[in-house]
Amino acid sequence: MGAVRRTEGGVEVFAPAKLNLFLAITGRRNDGFHDLVSVATALQWGDTLRAEPAAEFSLDCDDPTVPLDESNLILKAACGFVAATGWTGGAKFSLVKRVPMGAGLGGG
């Protein structure tokens, strides 16, 4: 994950794509997930996420294929944060999507 940068109305973070240089599945766990060994590197290309304070959570994105409902990982993480902390605020998230989803580059 890139460094968080303050903007005029909130914060912005660059989320670089990743490239697996090596990946080996070494076993299967009881929870259905796999144990693995991986060597990955971040690329200088990726998505940008902006967040500004708001009364409730919302998300917009420049990629029309990205779901903007509660199935989106950004909004799931926000709801998890609220559940863990009891925070009562919200945020307007804006995603500039460059990493294709499902391409194995860490784009969701």
N, C-alpha and C. Protein backbone atom coordinates (compact mmCIF):
# COMPACT_ATOMS: atom_id res chain seq x y z
N MET A 1 0.85 -1.16 0.00
CA MET A 1 0.00 0.00 0.00
C MET A 1 0.90 1.23 0.00
N GLY A 2 0.49 2.23 -0.74
CA GLY A 2 1.27 3.46 -0.82
C GLY A 2 1.07 4.34 0.38
N ALA A 3 1.80 5.42 0.40
CA ALA A 3 1.71 6.37 1.51
C ALA A 3 0.40 7.15 1.43
N VAL A 4 -0.15 7.47 2.58
CA VAL A 4 -1.35 8.29 2.65
C VAL A 4 -0.94 9.75 2.50
N ARG A 5 -1.65 10.45 1.61
CA ARG A 5 -1.35 11.85 1.36
C ARG A 5 -2.59 12.67 1.71
N ARG A 6 -2.37 13.76 2.45
CA ARG A 6 -3.48 14.65 2.77
C ARG A 6 -3.87 15.44 1.53
N THR A 7 -5.17 15.60 1.32
CA THR A 7 -5.68 16.44 0.25
C THR A 7 -6.48 17.57 0.89
N GLU A 8 -7.01 18.45 0.07
CA GLU A 8 -7.75 19.59 0.61
C GLU A 8 -8.93 19.15 1.48
N GLY A 9 -9.64 18.09 1.05
CA GLY A 9 -10.82 17.68 1.80
C GLY A 9 -10.71 16.37 2.53
N GLY A 10 -9.59 15.68 2.43
CA GLY A 10 -9.48 14.37 3.07
C GLY A 10 -8.12 13.75 2.90
N VAL A 11 -8.11 12.51 2.45
CA VAL A 11 -6.85 11.79 2.25
C VAL A 11 -6.91 11.03 0.93
N GLU A 12 -5.72 10.68 0.43
CA GLU A 12 -5.59 9.93 -0.82
C GLU A 12 -4.48 8.90 -0.63
N VAL A 13 -4.70 7.71 -1.15
CA VAL A 13 -3.68 6.67 -1.07
C VAL A 13 -3.57 5.97 -2.42
N PHE A 14 -2.34 5.70 -2.83
CA PHE A 14 -2.06 4.96 -4.05
C PHE A 14 -1.91 3.50 -3.68
N ALA A 15 -2.63 2.63 -4.35
CA ALA A 15 -2.58 1.19 -4.10
C ALA A 15 -1.95 0.52 -5.32
N PRO A 16 -0.65 0.24 -5.26
CA PRO A 16 0.02 -0.30 -6.45
C PRO A 16 -0.43 -1.71 -6.79
N ALA A 17 -0.40 -2.01 -8.08
CA ALA A 17 -0.59 -3.39 -8.52
C ALA A 17 0.60 -4.20 -8.03
N LYS A 18 0.41 -5.50 -7.91
CA LYS A 18 1.52 -6.36 -7.50
C LYS A 18 1.72 -7.44 -8.54
N LEU A 19 2.94 -7.88 -8.64
CA LEU A 19 3.30 -8.93 -9.57
C LEU A 19 3.95 -10.05 -8.78
N ASN A 20 3.38 -11.26 -8.87
CA ASN A 20 3.98 -12.41 -8.21
C ASN A 20 5.18 -12.89 -9.02
N LEU A 21 6.34 -12.89 -8.39
CA LEU A 21 7.54 -13.40 -9.03
C LEU A 21 7.68 -14.90 -8.80
N PHE A 22 7.10 -15.37 -7.69
CA PHE A 22 7.12 -16.78 -7.34
C PHE A 22 5.90 -17.07 -6.48
N LEU A 23 5.24 -18.17 -6.74
CA LEU A 23 4.09 -18.57 -5.94
C LEU A 23 4.01 -20.08 -5.90
N ALA A 24 4.00 -20.63 -4.69
CA ALA A 24 3.88 -22.08 -4.53
C ALA A 24 2.84 -22.38 -3.46
N ILE A 25 1.89 -23.24 -3.77
CA ILE A 25 0.92 -23.69 -2.79
C ILE A 25 1.55 -24.85 -2.04
N THR A 26 1.63 -24.71 -0.71
CA THR A 26 2.35 -25.70 0.09
C THR A 26 1.43 -26.58 0.92
N GLY A 27 0.13 -26.31 0.89
CA GLY A 27 -0.80 -27.13 1.64
C GLY A 27 -2.18 -26.50 1.67
N ARG A 28 -3.11 -27.23 2.25
CA ARG A 28 -4.47 -26.73 2.40
C ARG A 28 -4.82 -26.73 3.88
N ARG A 29 -5.40 -25.63 4.34
CA ARG A 29 -5.75 -25.49 5.74
C ARG A 29 -7.15 -26.02 6.00
N ASN A 30 -7.47 -26.23 7.26
CA ASN A 30 -8.80 -26.72 7.64
C ASN A 30 -9.91 -25.73 7.31
N ASP A 31 -9.57 -24.44 7.20
CA ASP A 31 -10.59 -23.43 6.89
C ASP A 31 -10.84 -23.30 5.39
N GLY A 32 -10.20 -24.14 4.59
CA GLY A 32 -10.42 -24.13 3.15
C GLY A 32 -9.44 -23.28 2.37
N PHE A 33 -8.69 -22.44 3.06
CA PHE A 33 -7.68 -21.63 2.39
C PHE A 33 -6.40 -22.44 2.22
N HIS A 34 -5.49 -21.95 1.41
CA HIS A 34 -4.23 -22.65 1.14
C HIS A 34 -3.06 -21.97 1.85
N ASP A 35 -2.11 -22.76 2.30
CA ASP A 35 -0.82 -22.24 2.73
C ASP A 35 -0.01 -22.00 1.47
N LEU A 36 0.71 -20.91 1.44
CA LEU A 36 1.52 -20.64 0.25
C LEU A 36 2.77 -19.87 0.59
N VAL A 37 3.69 -19.94 -0.32
CA VAL A 37 4.93 -19.16 -0.26
C VAL A 37 4.90 -18.27 -1.50
N SER A 38 5.14 -16.97 -1.29
CA SER A 38 5.05 -16.04 -2.41
C SER A 38 6.13 -14.99 -2.32
N VAL A 39 6.64 -14.60 -3.46
CA VAL A 39 7.53 -13.45 -3.57
C VAL A 39 6.85 -12.52 -4.57
N ALA A 40 6.54 -11.31 -4.12
CA ALA A 40 5.83 -10.36 -4.98
C ALA A 40 6.54 -9.02 -4.95
N THR A 41 6.28 -8.23 -5.96
CA THR A 41 6.83 -6.88 -6.02
C THR A 41 5.71 -5.92 -6.40
N ALA A 42 5.77 -4.71 -5.87
CA ALA A 42 4.80 -3.67 -6.21
C ALA A 42 5.22 -3.01 -7.52
N LEU A 43 4.23 -2.68 -8.33
CA LEU A 43 4.48 -1.98 -9.58
C LEU A 43 4.24 -0.48 -9.39
N GLN A 44 4.70 0.32 -10.32
CA GLN A 44 4.49 1.77 -10.24
C GLN A 44 3.20 2.16 -10.95
N TRP A 45 2.26 1.27 -10.96
CA TRP A 45 0.98 1.44 -11.63
C TRP A 45 -0.07 0.87 -10.71
N GLY A 46 -1.19 1.55 -10.55
CA GLY A 46 -2.18 1.03 -9.64
C GLY A 46 -3.41 1.91 -9.53
N ASP A 47 -4.20 1.64 -8.51
CA ASP A 47 -5.43 2.36 -8.24
C ASP A 47 -5.16 3.49 -7.25
N THR A 48 -6.03 4.49 -7.27
CA THR A 48 -5.95 5.58 -6.30
C THR A 48 -7.29 5.68 -5.58
N LEU A 49 -7.24 5.69 -4.25
CA LEU A 49 -8.44 5.80 -3.44
C LEU A 49 -8.40 7.11 -2.67
N ARG A 50 -9.48 7.88 -2.78
CA ARG A 50 -9.62 9.13 -2.03
C ARG A 50 -10.76 8.96 -1.03
N ALA A 51 -10.61 9.57 0.14
CA ALA A 51 -11.66 9.53 1.16
C ALA A 51 -11.83 10.92 1.76
N GLU A 52 -13.09 11.33 1.89
CA GLU A 52 -13.43 12.61 2.51
C GLU A 52 -14.50 12.35 3.57
N PRO A 53 -14.49 13.12 4.65
CA PRO A 53 -15.53 12.95 5.67
C PRO A 53 -16.92 13.19 5.07
N ALA A 54 -17.89 12.41 5.54
CA ALA A 54 -19.28 12.55 5.09
C ALA A 54 -20.20 12.00 6.18
N ALA A 55 -21.49 12.25 6.04
CA ALA A 55 -22.46 11.79 7.03
C ALA A 55 -22.64 10.27 6.97
N GLU A 56 -22.47 9.69 5.78
CA GLU A 56 -22.62 8.24 5.62
C GLU A 56 -21.58 7.76 4.61
N PHE A 57 -21.48 6.45 4.46
CA PHE A 57 -20.52 5.89 3.51
C PHE A 57 -21.10 5.86 2.11
N SER A 58 -20.27 6.25 1.14
CA SER A 58 -20.64 6.15 -0.27
C SER A 58 -19.38 5.89 -1.07
N LEU A 59 -19.56 5.40 -2.28
CA LEU A 59 -18.44 5.07 -3.15
C LEU A 59 -18.78 5.42 -4.58
N ASP A 60 -17.85 6.08 -5.26
CA ASP A 60 -17.97 6.25 -6.71
C ASP A 60 -16.67 5.77 -7.34
N CYS A 61 -16.75 5.41 -8.61
CA CYS A 61 -15.60 4.85 -9.30
C CYS A 61 -15.69 5.19 -10.78
N ASP A 62 -14.54 5.41 -11.41
CA ASP A 62 -14.51 5.71 -12.84
C ASP A 62 -14.67 4.47 -13.72
N ASP A 63 -14.68 3.28 -13.12
CA ASP A 63 -14.85 2.03 -13.86
C ASP A 63 -16.27 1.51 -13.63
N PRO A 64 -17.10 1.49 -14.66
CA PRO A 64 -18.50 1.08 -14.47
C PRO A 64 -18.68 -0.39 -14.10
N THR A 65 -17.64 -1.21 -14.20
CA THR A 65 -17.77 -2.62 -13.84
C THR A 65 -17.55 -2.86 -12.34
N VAL A 66 -17.10 -1.85 -11.62
CA VAL A 66 -16.86 -1.99 -10.18
C VAL A 66 -18.19 -1.86 -9.44
N PRO A 67 -18.53 -2.85 -8.60
CA PRO A 67 -19.78 -2.75 -7.84
C PRO A 67 -19.68 -1.62 -6.81
N LEU A 68 -20.75 -0.86 -6.67
CA LEU A 68 -20.76 0.27 -5.74
C LEU A 68 -21.65 0.00 -4.54
N ASP A 69 -22.06 -1.25 -4.35
CA ASP A 69 -22.93 -1.60 -3.24
C ASP A 69 -22.12 -2.26 -2.12
N GLU A 70 -22.81 -2.85 -1.16
CA GLU A 70 -22.16 -3.44 0.01
C GLU A 70 -21.29 -4.64 -0.32
N SER A 71 -21.31 -5.13 -1.56
CA SER A 71 -20.41 -6.22 -1.94
C SER A 71 -18.99 -5.72 -2.22
N ASN A 72 -18.79 -4.42 -2.35
CA ASN A 72 -17.48 -3.85 -2.64
C ASN A 72 -16.58 -3.94 -1.40
N LEU A 73 -15.33 -4.33 -1.59
CA LEU A 73 -14.40 -4.51 -0.47
C LEU A 73 -14.12 -3.21 0.28
N ILE A 74 -14.16 -2.08 -0.40
CA ILE A 74 -13.94 -0.80 0.28
C ILE A 74 -15.04 -0.56 1.30
N LEU A 75 -16.29 -0.75 0.88
CA LEU A 75 -17.41 -0.53 1.80
C LEU A 75 -17.48 -1.62 2.86
N LYS A 76 -17.09 -2.85 2.52
CA LYS A 76 -17.03 -3.91 3.53
C LYS A 76 -16.02 -3.56 4.62
N ALA A 77 -14.86 -3.04 4.21
CA ALA A 77 -13.83 -2.64 5.18
C ALA A 77 -14.34 -1.49 6.05
N ALA A 78 -15.04 -0.54 5.45
CA ALA A 78 -15.59 0.58 6.22
C ALA A 78 -16.59 0.08 7.25
N CYS A 79 -17.46 -0.85 6.86
CA CYS A 79 -18.43 -1.41 7.80
C CYS A 79 -17.74 -2.21 8.90
N GLY A 80 -16.68 -2.91 8.56
CA GLY A 80 -15.90 -3.63 9.57
C GLY A 80 -15.24 -2.68 10.56
N PHE A 81 -14.76 -1.54 10.06
CA PHE A 81 -14.16 -0.53 10.93
C PHE A 81 -15.20 0.00 11.91
N VAL A 82 -16.40 0.29 11.42
CA VAL A 82 -17.48 0.77 12.28
C VAL A 82 -17.83 -0.27 13.33
N ALA A 83 -17.94 -1.54 12.91
CA ALA A 83 -18.29 -2.61 13.85
C ALA A 83 -17.22 -2.78 14.92
N ALA A 84 -15.96 -2.60 14.55
CA ALA A 84 -14.86 -2.80 15.50
C ALA A 84 -14.67 -1.61 16.43
N THR A 85 -15.02 -0.41 15.97
CA THR A 85 -14.70 0.79 16.75
C THR A 85 -15.92 1.52 17.30
N GLY A 86 -17.09 1.28 16.72
CA GLY A 86 -18.27 2.01 17.13
C GLY A 86 -18.33 3.43 16.57
N TRP A 87 -17.46 3.74 15.64
CA TRP A 87 -17.41 5.07 15.05
C TRP A 87 -18.74 5.38 14.37
N THR A 88 -19.21 6.61 14.47
CA THR A 88 -20.53 6.97 13.95
C THR A 88 -20.48 7.86 12.72
N GLY A 89 -19.30 8.15 12.21
CA GLY A 89 -19.19 9.00 11.03
C GLY A 89 -19.32 8.20 9.74
N GLY A 90 -19.03 8.85 8.65
CA GLY A 90 -19.06 8.21 7.35
C GLY A 90 -17.92 8.75 6.50
N ALA A 91 -17.89 8.35 5.25
CA ALA A 91 -16.87 8.84 4.33
C ALA A 91 -17.36 8.68 2.90
N LYS A 92 -16.96 9.62 2.07
CA LYS A 92 -17.19 9.52 0.64
C LYS A 92 -15.90 9.00 0.03
N PHE A 93 -15.95 7.80 -0.53
CA PHE A 93 -14.79 7.19 -1.18
C PHE A 93 -14.89 7.40 -2.69
N SER A 94 -13.76 7.73 -3.31
CA SER A 94 -13.68 7.84 -4.76
C SER A 94 -12.51 6.98 -5.21
N LEU A 95 -12.78 6.03 -6.10
CA LEU A 95 -11.76 5.10 -6.58
C LEU A 95 -11.46 5.38 -8.04
N VAL A 96 -10.18 5.63 -8.32
CA VAL A 96 -9.70 5.73 -9.70
C VAL A 96 -9.09 4.37 -10.00
N LYS A 97 -9.80 3.58 -10.79
CA LYS A 97 -9.46 2.17 -11.01
C LYS A 97 -8.59 2.01 -12.25
N ARG A 98 -7.42 1.43 -12.06
CA ARG A 98 -6.51 1.16 -13.17
C ARG A 98 -6.13 -0.32 -13.25
N VAL A 99 -6.14 -1.01 -12.11
CA VAL A 99 -5.76 -2.43 -12.06
C VAL A 99 -7.02 -3.26 -12.33
N PRO A 100 -7.03 -4.08 -13.38
CA PRO A 100 -8.22 -4.86 -13.69
C PRO A 100 -8.54 -5.88 -12.59
N MET A 101 -9.82 -6.00 -12.27
CA MET A 101 -10.25 -6.99 -11.29
C MET A 101 -10.08 -8.39 -11.88
N GLY A 102 -9.61 -9.32 -11.05
CA GLY A 102 -9.49 -10.70 -11.47
C GLY A 102 -8.31 -11.00 -12.39
N ALA A 103 -7.39 -10.06 -12.53
CA ALA A 103 -6.25 -10.26 -13.42
C ALA A 103 -5.02 -10.81 -12.70
N GLY A 104 -5.14 -11.05 -11.39
CA GLY A 104 -4.01 -11.57 -10.63
C GLY A 104 -2.98 -10.52 -10.28
N LEU A 105 -3.38 -9.25 -10.35
CA LEU A 105 -2.45 -8.15 -10.05
C LEU A 105 -2.81 -7.42 -8.76
N GLY A 106 -3.72 -7.99 -7.97
CA GLY A 106 -4.11 -7.37 -6.71
C GLY A 106 -5.20 -6.33 -6.87
N GLY A 107 -5.94 -6.37 -7.96
CA GLY A 107 -6.96 -5.36 -8.22
C GLY A 107 -8.36 -5.72 -7.76
N GLY A 108 -8.48 -6.77 -6.96
CA GLY A 108 -9.79 -7.14 -6.44
C GLY A 108 -10.47 -8.21 -7.26
